[in-house]
């Protein structure tokens, strides 16, 4: 555990852990104290992050420092999410977990915004953020599906490939994807929903080519299209020239 996260680590892993703490019947004053402590910790960690990056001379050391803190924040967020799934917890305790999660997320967002060149986008998306973001992605999927269903221009097979890709991604739960994979899907569906893209299959192919969309079913679909096209020519020269 990064030393700058020791207080959060102790609070989350020991003090308010519903699986190991001996007594979770905290008073109202104690919960207020935990929240106040976490609020102060949020500001302290942000300041230590800035100091830590400035103090390190080598780019590699700065990157390693930021990414260790990032990874630990994600683990703590996932742990708090696990706590929130425990049955019959006091509502005040659930609110405590939610509030501390918000503090952790603010620091994580701070890292992504201010140290973006060091941020590890191959790290998994924290579960709480993923679940909220998937709601928006699934809403866009519904919109895409509705627009494709009334579209008489786009091949049904291609429509099914696109819809199934996003459906599979939307079904992801706690075993979340990396930031890169999530951003890829989010940007892809946003681009497909922009004006004019769904007006022709060629426009869709341009978008998929730009995003290097290498879904196995899509590759097979393109191969089938190419094979059908080239079979109409007599010799190899004509096939290559076409």
Foldseek 3Di string as FASTA:
>chain_A
DPPLCVVVCCCQVEVLQPVHHPDNPDDPVVLVVLLVVLVVSLVSSLVVLVVLLVPDDDPVSNLVVLAVLLLVLLVSLQSLVVSLPDPPDDPSSNVSSVSSSVSSVVSNVVCCVVVVVSYDQQHFDRQVVVLVVLVVLVVLLVVLLVVVVPDPADDPLVSVVVSVVSVVQSPDHRVGGGNVVVVLSVVLSVVCPDPPCSNHVVSNVVSCVVSVPPDPSVVVVVVVVLVVVLVVDDDPVVSVVD
